C-alpha atoms as a PDB file:
ATOM      1  CA  MET A   1    -158.655-175.019-226.481  1.00  0.00           C
ATOM      2  CA  ILE A   2    -161.930-175.610-228.002  1.00  0.00           C
ATOM      3  CA  ILE A   3    -165.132-174.837-225.721  1.00  0.00           C
ATOM      4  CA  GLY A   4    -168.396-176.109-227.271  1.00  0.00           C
ATOM      5  CA  VAL A   5    -171.727-174.407-226.306  1.00  0.00           C
ATOM      6  CA  ALA A   6    -175.103-176.223-226.343  1.00  0.00           C
ATOM      7  CA  GLY A   7    -178.652-175.389-224.862  1.00  0.00           C
ATOM      8  CA  THR A   8    -182.168-175.078-225.303  1.00  0.00           C
ATOM      9  CA  LEU A   9    -183.842-172.154-227.693  1.00  0.00           C
ATOM     10  CA  ALA A  10    -182.956-169.207-226.258  1.00  0.00           C
ATOM     11  CA  SER A  11    -181.226-170.322-223.074  1.00  0.00           C
ATOM     12  CA  GLY A  12    -178.204-167.834-223.632  1.00  0.00           C
ATOM     13  CA  LYS A  13    -176.062-169.881-226.049  1.00  0.00           C
ATOM     14  CA  ASP A  14    -174.815-166.580-227.619  1.00  0.00           C
ATOM     15  CA  THR A  15    -174.287-164.721-224.434  1.00  0.00           C
ATOM     16  CA  VAL A  16    -171.761-167.197-223.695  1.00  0.00           C
ATOM     17  CA  ALA A  17    -170.138-167.413-226.591  1.00  0.00           C
ATOM     18  CA  GLU A  18    -170.130-163.621-226.658  1.00  0.00           C
ATOM     19  CA  TYR A  19    -168.249-163.610-223.236  1.00  0.00           C
ATOM     20  CA  LEU A  20    -165.877-165.922-224.204  1.00  0.00           C
ATOM     21  CA  GLU A  21    -164.774-163.708-227.156  1.00  0.00           C
ATOM     22  CA  GLU A  22    -164.491-161.090-224.829  1.00  0.00           C
ATOM     23  CA  LYS A  23    -162.084-163.119-222.831  1.00  0.00           C
ATOM     24  CA  GLY A  24    -159.883-163.569-226.146  1.00  0.00           C
ATOM     25  CA  PHE A  25    -161.696-166.957-228.020  1.00  0.00           C
ATOM     26  CA  THR A  26    -162.610-167.126-231.397  1.00  0.00           C
ATOM     27  CA  HIS A  27    -166.069-167.755-231.985  1.00  0.00           C
ATOM     28  CA  TYR A  28    -168.224-169.359-234.817  1.00  0.00           C
ATOM     29  CA  SER A  29    -171.949-170.578-234.620  1.00  0.00           C
ATOM     30  CA  THR A  30    -172.642-173.582-236.202  1.00  0.00           C
ATOM     31  CA  SER A  31    -175.953-171.841-236.842  1.00  0.00           C
ATOM     32  CA  ASP A  32    -173.822-169.425-238.380  1.00  0.00           C
ATOM     33  CA  VAL A  33    -172.436-172.269-240.963  1.00  0.00           C
ATOM     34  CA  ILE A  34    -175.882-173.294-241.884  1.00  0.00           C
ATOM     35  CA  ARG A  35    -177.500-169.420-242.339  1.00  0.00           C
ATOM     36  CA  ASP A  36    -174.056-168.592-244.822  1.00  0.00           C
ATOM     37  CA  ILE A  37    -174.914-172.047-246.410  1.00  0.00           C
ATOM     38  CA  LEU A  38    -178.438-170.922-246.916  1.00  0.00           C
ATOM     39  CA  ARG A  39    -177.562-167.151-248.043  1.00  0.00           C
ATOM     40  CA  GLU A  40    -175.177-168.733-250.903  1.00  0.00           C
ATOM     41  CA  GLU A  41    -178.339-170.858-251.603  1.00  0.00           C
ATOM     42  CA  LYS A  42    -180.775-168.318-251.870  1.00  0.00           C
ATOM     43  CA  VAL A  43    -183.001-169.677-249.190  1.00  0.00           C
ATOM     44  CA  GLU A  44    -184.860-167.559-246.498  1.00  0.00           C
ATOM     45  CA  ILE A  45    -183.364-167.628-243.226  1.00  0.00           C
ATOM     46  CA  ASN A  46    -185.944-169.121-240.688  1.00  0.00           C
ATOM     47  CA  ARG A  47    -185.875-171.919-237.860  1.00  0.00           C
ATOM     48  CA  ASP A  48    -187.513-174.308-240.207  1.00  0.00           C
ATOM     49  CA  ASN A  49    -184.948-173.905-242.972  1.00  0.00           C
ATOM     50  CA  LEU A  50    -182.154-173.980-240.342  1.00  0.00           C
ATOM     51  CA  VAL A  51    -183.215-177.490-238.957  1.00  0.00           C
ATOM     52  CA  LYS A  52    -183.989-178.567-242.429  1.00  0.00           C
ATOM     53  CA  ARG A  53    -180.879-177.713-243.926  1.00  0.00           C
ATOM     54  CA  ALA A  54    -178.336-178.890-240.769  1.00  0.00           C
ATOM     55  CA  ASN A  55    -180.134-182.281-240.823  1.00  0.00           C
ATOM     56  CA  GLU A  56    -179.703-182.295-244.764  1.00  0.00           C
ATOM     57  CA  LEU A  57    -176.195-181.693-243.955  1.00  0.00           C
ATOM     58  CA  ARG A  58    -175.553-184.146-241.063  1.00  0.00           C
ATOM     59  CA  THR A  59    -176.964-186.997-242.960  1.00  0.00           C
ATOM     60  CA  LYS A  60    -174.794-186.492-246.284  1.00  0.00           C
ATOM     61  CA  HIS A  61    -171.965-185.475-244.287  1.00  0.00           C
ATOM     62  CA  GLY A  62    -172.112-187.028-240.912  1.00  0.00           C
ATOM     63  CA  ASN A  63    -173.219-185.976-237.407  1.00  0.00           C
ATOM     64  CA  GLY A  64    -169.902-183.916-236.640  1.00  0.00           C
ATOM     65  CA  VAL A  65    -170.065-181.683-239.831  1.00  0.00           C
ATOM     66  CA  LEU A  66    -171.453-178.502-238.930  1.00  0.00           C
ATOM     67  CA  ALA A  67    -168.557-178.418-235.748  1.00  0.00           C
ATOM     68  CA  LYS A  68    -166.211-179.354-238.446  1.00  0.00           C
ATOM     69  CA  LEU A  69    -166.832-176.337-240.596  1.00  0.00           C
ATOM     70  CA  ALA A  70    -167.392-173.979-237.620  1.00  0.00           C
ATOM     71  CA  VAL A  71    -163.564-175.517-236.572  1.00  0.00           C
ATOM     72  CA  GLU A  72    -162.454-174.220-239.846  1.00  0.00           C
ATOM     73  CA  LYS A  73    -164.225-170.986-239.781  1.00  0.00           C
ATOM     74  CA  CYS A  74    -161.828-170.225-236.630  1.00  0.00           C
ATOM     75  CA  GLY A  75    -158.836-171.218-238.561  1.00  0.00           C
ATOM     76  CA  LYS A  76    -155.976-171.151-236.212  1.00  0.00           C
ATOM     77  CA  ALA A  77    -156.857-169.602-233.232  1.00  0.00           C
ATOM     78  CA  LYS A  78    -155.536-170.697-230.151  1.00  0.00           C
ATOM     79  CA  ASN A  79    -158.875-170.637-228.630  1.00  0.00           C
ATOM     80  CA  LYS A  80    -162.016-171.116-229.981  1.00  0.00           C
ATOM     81  CA  VAL A  81    -165.521-171.459-228.582  1.00  0.00           C
ATOM     82  CA  ILE A  82    -168.331-173.437-231.081  1.00  0.00           C
ATOM     83  CA  SER A  83    -171.647-172.534-229.914  1.00  0.00           C
ATOM     84  CA  ALA A  84    -175.418-173.522-231.303  1.00  0.00           C
ATOM     85  CA  ILE A  85    -174.200-177.637-230.877  1.00  0.00           C
ATOM     86  CA  ARG A  86    -177.240-179.629-231.293  1.00  0.00           C
ATOM     87  CA  ASN A  87    -176.178-183.150-231.965  1.00  0.00           C
ATOM     88  CA  PRO A  88    -173.826-185.447-229.948  1.00  0.00           C
ATOM     89  CA  GLY A  89    -171.760-186.135-233.437  1.00  0.00           C
ATOM     90  CA  GLU A  90    -170.964-182.743-232.950  1.00  0.00           C
ATOM     91  CA  ILE A  91    -169.648-182.716-229.705  1.00  0.00           C
ATOM     92  CA  GLU A  92    -167.920-185.925-230.239  1.00  0.00           C
ATOM     93  CA  TYR A  93    -166.019-184.215-233.553  1.00  0.00           C
ATOM     94  CA  LEU A  94    -165.007-181.474-230.810  1.00  0.00           C
ATOM     95  CA  ARG A  95    -163.873-183.662-228.407  1.00  0.00           C
ATOM     96  CA  GLU A  96    -161.621-185.696-231.345  1.00  0.00           C
ATOM     97  CA  GLN A  97    -159.581-182.774-232.338  1.00  0.00           C
ATOM     98  CA  GLY A  98    -156.724-183.178-229.983  1.00  0.00           C
ATOM     99  CA  GLU A  99    -157.214-179.912-228.125  1.00  0.00           C
ATOM    100  CA  LYS A 100    -158.244-179.419-224.535  1.00  0.00           C
ATOM    101  CA  PHE A 101    -161.971-179.478-224.834  1.00  0.00           C
ATOM    102  CA  SER A 102    -164.753-178.717-222.397  1.00  0.00           C
ATOM    103  CA  MET A 103    -168.439-178.663-223.438  1.00  0.00           C
ATOM    104  CA  ILE A 104    -171.213-176.163-221.738  1.00  0.00           C
ATOM    105  CA  PHE A 105    -174.618-176.730-221.694  1.00  0.00           C
ATOM    106  CA  VAL A 106    -177.239-173.590-220.870  1.00  0.00           C
ATOM    107  CA  ASP A 107    -181.034-173.757-219.740  1.00  0.00           C
ATOM    108  CA  ALA A 108    -183.559-172.003-218.457  1.00  0.00           C
ATOM    109  CA  SER A 109    -187.384-172.478-217.907  1.00  0.00           C
ATOM    110  CA  ILE A 110    -189.312-172.691-220.579  1.00  0.00           C
ATOM    111  CA  LYS A 111    -191.291-169.181-219.739  1.00  0.00           C
ATOM    112  CA  THR A 112    -188.259-167.557-219.248  1.00  0.00           C
ATOM    113  CA  ARG A 113    -186.731-168.314-222.703  1.00  0.00           C
ATOM    114  CA  PHE A 114    -190.121-167.693-224.300  1.00  0.00           C
ATOM    115  CA  ASP A 115    -190.373-164.051-223.268  1.00  0.00           C
ATOM    116  CA  ARG A 116    -186.616-163.996-224.326  1.00  0.00           C
ATOM    117  CA  ILE A 117    -187.307-165.367-227.935  1.00  0.00           C
ATOM    118  CA  VAL A 118    -190.640-162.957-228.244  1.00  0.00           C
ATOM    119  CA  ASN A 119    -188.185-160.339-227.607  1.00  0.00           C
ATOM    120  CA  ARG A 120    -185.454-161.606-229.975  1.00  0.00           C
ATOM    121  CA  ASN A 121    -187.788-161.963-232.692  1.00  0.00           C
ATOM    122  CA  LYS A 122    -188.576-158.025-232.640  1.00  0.00           C
ATOM    123  CA  GLU A 123    -184.629-157.746-233.173  1.00  0.00           C
ATOM    124  CA  ARG A 124    -183.907-160.784-235.482  1.00  0.00           C
ATOM    125  CA  GLY A 125    -187.114-161.438-237.343  1.00  0.00           C
ATOM    126  CA  GLU A 126    -186.301-165.256-237.729  1.00  0.00           C
ATOM    127  CA  ASP A 127    -187.770-167.386-234.836  1.00  0.00           C
ATOM    128  CA  ASN A 128    -191.914-167.190-235.771  1.00  0.00           C
ATOM    129  CA  TYR A 129    -193.151-168.104-232.405  1.00  0.00           C
ATOM    130  CA  SER A 130    -196.668-166.452-232.387  1.00  0.00           C
ATOM    131  CA  ASP A 131    -197.573-168.291-229.017  1.00  0.00           C
ATOM    132  CA  PHE A 132    -196.616-170.565-226.113  1.00  0.00           C
ATOM    133  CA  GLU A 133    -198.077-173.871-227.228  1.00  0.00           C
ATOM    134  CA  THR A 134    -195.844-173.264-230.935  1.00  0.00           C
ATOM    135  CA  PHE A 135    -192.852-172.709-229.074  1.00  0.00           C
ATOM    136  CA  LYS A 136    -193.265-175.690-226.791  1.00  0.00           C
ATOM    137  CA  ALA A 137    -194.174-177.907-229.604  1.00  0.00           C
ATOM    138  CA  LYS A 138    -191.334-176.706-231.601  1.00  0.00           C
ATOM    139  CA  GLU A 139    -188.757-177.262-229.123  1.00  0.00           C
ATOM    140  CA  GLU A 140    -190.161-180.997-228.191  1.00  0.00           C
ATOM    141  CA  ARG A 141    -188.661-181.980-231.956  1.00  0.00           C
ATOM    142  CA  GLU A 142    -185.444-180.424-231.341  1.00  0.00           C
ATOM    143  CA  LEU A 143    -184.894-181.806-227.737  1.00  0.00           C
ATOM    144  CA  LYS A 144    -184.677-185.604-228.905  1.00  0.00           C
ATOM    145  CA  SER A 145    -185.557-187.545-232.177  1.00  0.00           C
ATOM    146  CA  ASP A 146    -185.150-190.934-233.176  1.00  0.00           C
ATOM    147  CA  ASN A 147    -183.161-189.939-236.569  1.00  0.00           C
ATOM    148  CA  PRO A 148    -179.400-189.603-235.696  1.00  0.00           C
ATOM    149  CA  ALA A 149    -178.854-186.599-237.878  1.00  0.00           C
ATOM    150  CA  SER A 150    -181.272-184.067-236.243  1.00  0.00           C
ATOM    151  CA  GLN A 151    -181.418-181.889-233.173  1.00  0.00           C
ATOM    152  CA  GLN A 152    -180.726-184.097-230.040  1.00  0.00           C
ATOM    153  CA  ILE A 153    -180.714-181.375-227.417  1.00  0.00           C
ATOM    154  CA  THR A 154    -181.412-183.768-224.440  1.00  0.00           C
ATOM    155  CA  LYS A 155    -178.411-185.688-225.672  1.00  0.00           C
ATOM    156  CA  CYS A 156    -176.034-182.870-225.857  1.00  0.00           C
ATOM    157  CA  ARG A 157    -176.974-182.127-222.044  1.00  0.00           C
ATOM    158  CA  GLU A 158    -176.127-185.134-221.164  1.00  0.00           C
ATOM    159  CA  MET A 159    -172.712-184.825-222.651  1.00  0.00           C
ATOM    160  CA  ALA A 160    -171.983-181.757-220.836  1.00  0.00           C
ATOM    161  CA  ASP A 161    -169.285-180.849-218.873  1.00  0.00           C
ATOM    162  CA  HIS A 162    -170.962-178.133-217.259  1.00  0.00           C
ATOM    163  CA  ILE A 163    -174.656-177.268-217.141  1.00  0.00           C
ATOM    164  CA  ILE A 164    -175.566-173.587-216.477  1.00  0.00           C
ATOM    165  CA  GLU A 165    -179.020-172.924-215.092  1.00  0.00           C
ATOM    166  CA  ASN A 166    -179.315-169.373-216.894  1.00  0.00           C
ATOM    167  CA  ASN A 167    -182.837-167.769-215.024  1.00  0.00           C
ATOM    168  CA  SER A 168    -181.309-164.622-212.825  1.00  0.00           C
ATOM    169  CA  THR A 169    -179.550-161.675-213.883  1.00  0.00           C
ATOM    170  CA  PHE A 170    -177.101-161.378-216.300  1.00  0.00           C
ATOM    171  CA  GLU A 171    -174.445-160.792-213.208  1.00  0.00           C
ATOM    172  CA  MET A 172    -175.191-164.096-211.904  1.00  0.00           C
ATOM    173  CA  PHE A 173    -175.011-165.753-215.480  1.00  0.00           C
ATOM    174  CA  TYR A 174    -171.507-164.018-216.011  1.00  0.00           C
ATOM    175  CA  ALA A 175    -170.199-165.021-212.670  1.00  0.00           C
ATOM    176  CA  ASP A 176    -171.314-168.722-213.503  1.00  0.00           C
ATOM    177  CA  ILE A 177    -169.165-168.274-216.786  1.00  0.00           C
ATOM    178  CA  GLU A 178    -166.406-167.125-215.149  1.00  0.00           C
ATOM    179  CA  LYS A 179    -166.501-169.953-212.696  1.00  0.00           C
ATOM    180  CA  ILE A 180    -166.034-172.382-215.545  1.00  0.00           C
ATOM    181  CA  ILE A 181    -163.331-170.384-217.612  1.00  0.00           C
ATOM    182  CA  LYS A 182    -160.926-170.304-214.816  1.00  0.00           C
ATOM    183  CA  GLU A 183    -161.644-174.186-214.081  1.00  0.00           C
ATOM    184  CA  VAL A 184    -161.493-174.987-217.771  1.00  0.00           C
ATOM    185  CA  VAL A 185    -158.441-172.743-218.759  1.00  0.00           C
ATOM    186  CA  SER A 186    -156.043-173.049-216.343  1.00  0.00           C
END
């Protein structure tokens, strides 16, 4: 089984993936794929470089390339979770793998997500959003684009089998994830 996880910035995608790991899923993120490539190329890892390199890879190798590389990193694991999906081609690639597949989209209010990103920036040093307007403007670029090789978060949401609104407590968020697991894994 493969579970794909997409969502808006700082909505809780990694938390879903970590929860699934605790349930025995092998996890790899499309963002980790790009981080690995940037490290190899000795390029600074920041949001702009991640987006730019991902778009270049999709243009050169097809829109499903990051999902393909993430699946390869999971090896022969029975249950896989591929997170940080940002392009419909990645979802299409995962649906075509001949395994049971379910797509989860995670969202939260923009204010909640901005607060999370400010806190996360202190930990990762990767997301450089000095103010709410900068965050909002960068997110707009990622939500939809006319370039089919770019990030198209809105289209990914439309393709989701399950949508989780993560505006409350961890307990409620985990309960939402658990409900989906029971539905799709059985």
